[in-house]
Amino acid sequence: MSQTVVLKVGMSCQGCVGAVNRVLGKMEGVESFDIDIKEQKVTVKGNVEPEAVFQTVSKTGKKTAYWPVEAAAEPKAEAEPKAETEAKPEAETKTEVAKVDVEPKLAEAETKPSNA
């Protein structure tokens, strides 16, 4: 029976991704899998048992857990952090604008004494 297993795997670099890729590529019953390093999410599809996938990925030495069901079941919870994330770049942009405003004033101040 084909099913999907979703795991949260602590991956910090492409080497980590490669390790997970190798073990899943060798696992029997795996039809396809997706590794998302940004989300630290591994999705495996195929004729596999969840516990077998969990044990196989755990052998890489990476911290492994089943993906929280709540996050997948509540799309609203996913939308809220995205809104917060969008607010942060605006704050960063304002900071950058303030830096840009200060720099020309410094440049003008430096220019005036050299003209005098």
C-alpha atoms as a PDB file:
ATOM      1  CA  MET A   1       0.000   0.000   0.000  1.00  0.00           C
ATOM      2  CA  SER A   2       1.433   3.349  -1.040  1.00  0.00           C
ATOM      3  CA  GLN A   3       1.535   6.052   1.609  1.00  0.00           C
ATOM      4  CA  THR A   4       3.271   9.304   2.473  1.00  0.00           C
ATOM      5  CA  VAL A   5       5.550   9.738   5.478  1.00  0.00           C
ATOM      6  CA  VAL A   6       6.601  13.237   6.541  1.00  0.00           C
ATOM      7  CA  LEU A   7       9.534  13.765   8.897  1.00  0.00           C
ATOM      8  CA  LYS A   8      11.235  16.747  10.495  1.00  0.00           C
ATOM      9  CA  VAL A   9      14.974  16.193  10.072  1.00  0.00           C
ATOM     10  CA  GLY A  10      17.674  18.479  11.478  1.00  0.00           C
ATOM     11  CA  MET A  11      19.666  19.375   8.353  1.00  0.00           C
ATOM     12  CA  SER A  12      22.030  22.341   8.350  1.00  0.00           C
ATOM     13  CA  CYS A  13      23.951  21.888   5.091  1.00  0.00           C
ATOM     14  CA  GLN A  14      24.023  20.128   1.732  1.00  0.00           C
ATOM     15  CA  GLY A  15      26.067  17.321   3.320  1.00  0.00           C
ATOM     16  CA  CYS A  16      23.127  16.597   5.606  1.00  0.00           C
ATOM     17  CA  VAL A  17      20.781  16.584   2.617  1.00  0.00           C
ATOM     18  CA  GLY A  18      23.146  14.210   0.811  1.00  0.00           C
ATOM     19  CA  ALA A  19      23.182  11.784   3.747  1.00  0.00           C
ATOM     20  CA  VAL A  20      19.376  11.651   3.864  1.00  0.00           C
ATOM     21  CA  ASN A  21      19.256  11.376   0.063  1.00  0.00           C
ATOM     22  CA  ARG A  22      21.626   8.367   0.114  1.00  0.00           C
ATOM     23  CA  VAL A  23      19.714   6.351   2.726  1.00  0.00           C
ATOM     24  CA  LEU A  24      16.316   7.007   1.141  1.00  0.00           C
ATOM     25  CA  GLY A  25      17.661   6.176  -2.317  1.00  0.00           C
ATOM     26  CA  LYS A  26      18.685   2.728  -1.060  1.00  0.00           C
ATOM     27  CA  MET A  27      15.481   2.034   0.883  1.00  0.00           C
ATOM     28  CA  GLU A  28      13.134  -0.559  -0.587  1.00  0.00           C
ATOM     29  CA  GLY A  29       9.591   0.534  -1.379  1.00  0.00           C
ATOM     30  CA  VAL A  30      10.426   4.234  -1.779  1.00  0.00           C
ATOM     31  CA  GLU A  31       8.805   5.590  -4.944  1.00  0.00           C
ATOM     32  CA  SER A  32       9.798   9.221  -4.453  1.00  0.00           C
ATOM     33  CA  PHE A  33      10.973  11.629  -1.796  1.00  0.00           C
ATOM     34  CA  ASP A  34      11.433  15.356  -1.344  1.00  0.00           C
ATOM     35  CA  ILE A  35      14.004  16.982   0.930  1.00  0.00           C
ATOM     36  CA  ASP A  36      13.406  20.607   1.949  1.00  0.00           C
ATOM     37  CA  ILE A  37      16.423  21.906   3.882  1.00  0.00           C
ATOM     38  CA  LYS A  38      14.793  25.285   4.584  1.00  0.00           C
ATOM     39  CA  GLU A  39      11.765  23.709   6.268  1.00  0.00           C
ATOM     40  CA  GLN A  40      13.861  20.749   7.501  1.00  0.00           C
ATOM     41  CA  LYS A  41      11.134  18.558   6.051  1.00  0.00           C
ATOM     42  CA  VAL A  42      11.501  15.167   4.370  1.00  0.00           C
ATOM     43  CA  THR A  43       8.495  13.737   2.512  1.00  0.00           C
ATOM     44  CA  VAL A  44       8.686  10.086   1.445  1.00  0.00           C
ATOM     45  CA  LYS A  45       6.114   8.399  -0.809  1.00  0.00           C
ATOM     46  CA  GLY A  46       5.909   4.713  -1.519  1.00  0.00           C
ATOM     47  CA  ASN A  47       5.123   1.270  -0.200  1.00  0.00           C
ATOM     48  CA  VAL A  48       6.846   1.989   3.121  1.00  0.00           C
ATOM     49  CA  GLU A  49       6.101   1.778   6.822  1.00  0.00           C
ATOM     50  CA  PRO A  50       6.425   5.080   8.741  1.00  0.00           C
ATOM     51  CA  GLU A  51       8.582   3.482  11.447  1.00  0.00           C
ATOM     52  CA  ALA A  52      10.944   1.976   8.843  1.00  0.00           C
ATOM     53  CA  VAL A  53      11.388   5.375   7.168  1.00  0.00           C
ATOM     54  CA  PHE A  54      11.952   6.987  10.571  1.00  0.00           C
ATOM     55  CA  GLN A  55      14.604   4.404  11.520  1.00  0.00           C
ATOM     56  CA  THR A  56      16.340   4.659   8.139  1.00  0.00           C
ATOM     57  CA  VAL A  57      16.605   8.453   8.284  1.00  0.00           C
ATOM     58  CA  SER A  58      17.674   8.302  11.960  1.00  0.00           C
ATOM     59  CA  LYS A  59      20.687   6.201  10.910  1.00  0.00           C
ATOM     60  CA  THR A  60      22.165   9.334   9.297  1.00  0.00           C
ATOM     61  CA  GLY A  61      22.715  10.724  12.787  1.00  0.00           C
ATOM     62  CA  LYS A  62      20.406  13.668  12.121  1.00  0.00           C
ATOM     63  CA  LYS A  63      17.776  14.584  14.691  1.00  0.00           C
ATOM     64  CA  THR A  64      14.601  13.005  13.317  1.00  0.00           C
ATOM     65  CA  ALA A  65      10.962  13.321  14.359  1.00  0.00           C
ATOM     66  CA  TYR A  66       7.583  12.834  12.751  1.00  0.00           C
ATOM     67  CA  TRP A  67       6.312  16.059  11.195  1.00  0.00           C
ATOM     68  CA  PRO A  68       3.783  17.662  13.581  1.00  0.00           C
ATOM     69  CA  VAL A  69       0.257  16.835  12.451  1.00  0.00           C
ATOM     70  CA  GLU A  70      -1.046  20.142  13.850  1.00  0.00           C
ATOM     71  CA  ALA A  71       1.023  22.209  11.424  1.00  0.00           C
ATOM     72  CA  ALA A  72      -0.363  20.356   8.410  1.00  0.00           C
ATOM     73  CA  ALA A  73      -3.944  20.341   9.735  1.00  0.00           C
ATOM     74  CA  GLU A  74      -4.080  24.072  10.530  1.00  0.00           C
ATOM     75  CA  PRO A  75      -3.259  26.207   7.482  1.00  0.00           C
ATOM     76  CA  LYS A  76      -4.142  29.322   9.537  1.00  0.00           C
ATOM     77  CA  ALA A  77      -1.172  28.654  11.817  1.00  0.00           C
ATOM     78  CA  GLU A  78       1.102  28.599   8.766  1.00  0.00           C
ATOM     79  CA  ALA A  79      -0.334  31.858   7.418  1.00  0.00           C
ATOM     80  CA  GLU A  80       0.320  33.800  10.625  1.00  0.00           C
ATOM     81  CA  PRO A  81       4.113  33.266  10.719  1.00  0.00           C
ATOM     82  CA  LYS A  82       4.291  34.285   7.057  1.00  0.00           C
ATOM     83  CA  ALA A  83       2.620  37.585   7.962  1.00  0.00           C
ATOM     84  CA  GLU A  84       5.209  38.113  10.697  1.00  0.00           C
ATOM     85  CA  THR A  85       7.984  37.274   8.265  1.00  0.00           C
ATOM     86  CA  GLU A  86       6.654  39.844   5.816  1.00  0.00           C
ATOM     87  CA  ALA A  87       6.644  42.489   8.544  1.00  0.00           C
ATOM     88  CA  LYS A  88      10.311  41.902   9.380  1.00  0.00           C
ATOM     89  CA  PRO A  89      11.680  42.839   5.926  1.00  0.00           C
ATOM     90  CA  GLU A  90       9.701  46.108   6.137  1.00  0.00           C
ATOM     91  CA  ALA A  91      11.386  46.915   9.436  1.00  0.00           C
ATOM     92  CA  GLU A  92      14.751  46.089   7.912  1.00  0.00           C
ATOM     93  CA  THR A  93      13.947  48.295   4.933  1.00  0.00           C
ATOM     94  CA  LYS A  94      13.123  51.204   7.246  1.00  0.00           C
ATOM     95  CA  THR A  95      16.453  50.731   8.979  1.00  0.00           C
ATOM     96  CA  GLU A  96      18.225  50.739   5.636  1.00  0.00           C
ATOM     97  CA  VAL A  97      16.404  53.922   4.618  1.00  0.00           C
ATOM     98  CA  ALA A  98      17.532  55.591   7.836  1.00  0.00           C
ATOM     99  CA  LYS A  99      21.116  54.595   7.081  1.00  0.00           C
ATOM    100  CA  VAL A 100      20.832  56.008   3.571  1.00  0.00           C
ATOM    101  CA  ASP A 101      19.466  59.314   4.944  1.00  0.00           C
ATOM    102  CA  VAL A 102      22.378  59.631   7.376  1.00  0.00           C
ATOM    103  CA  GLU A 103      25.098  58.853   4.853  1.00  0.00           C
ATOM    104  CA  PRO A 104      24.396  61.809   2.485  1.00  0.00           C
ATOM    105  CA  LYS A 105      24.419  64.198   5.474  1.00  0.00           C
ATOM    106  CA  LEU A 106      27.827  62.905   6.445  1.00  0.00           C
ATOM    107  CA  ALA A 107      29.013  63.258   2.880  1.00  0.00           C
ATOM    108  CA  GLU A 108      27.722  66.881   2.747  1.00  0.00           C
ATOM    109  CA  ALA A 109      29.396  67.686   6.057  1.00  0.00           C
ATOM    110  CA  GLU A 110      32.677  66.302   4.754  1.00  0.00           C
ATOM    111  CA  THR A 111      32.307  68.244   1.514  1.00  0.00           C
ATOM    112  CA  LYS A 112      31.658  71.639   3.174  1.00  0.00           C
ATOM    113  CA  PRO A 113      34.897  71.797   5.214  1.00  0.00           C
ATOM    114  CA  SER A 114      36.954  70.821   2.191  1.00  0.00           C
ATOM    115  CA  ASN A 115      35.360  73.641   0.148  1.00  0.00           C
ATOM    116  CA  ALA A 116      36.076  76.270   2.820  1.00  0.00           C
END
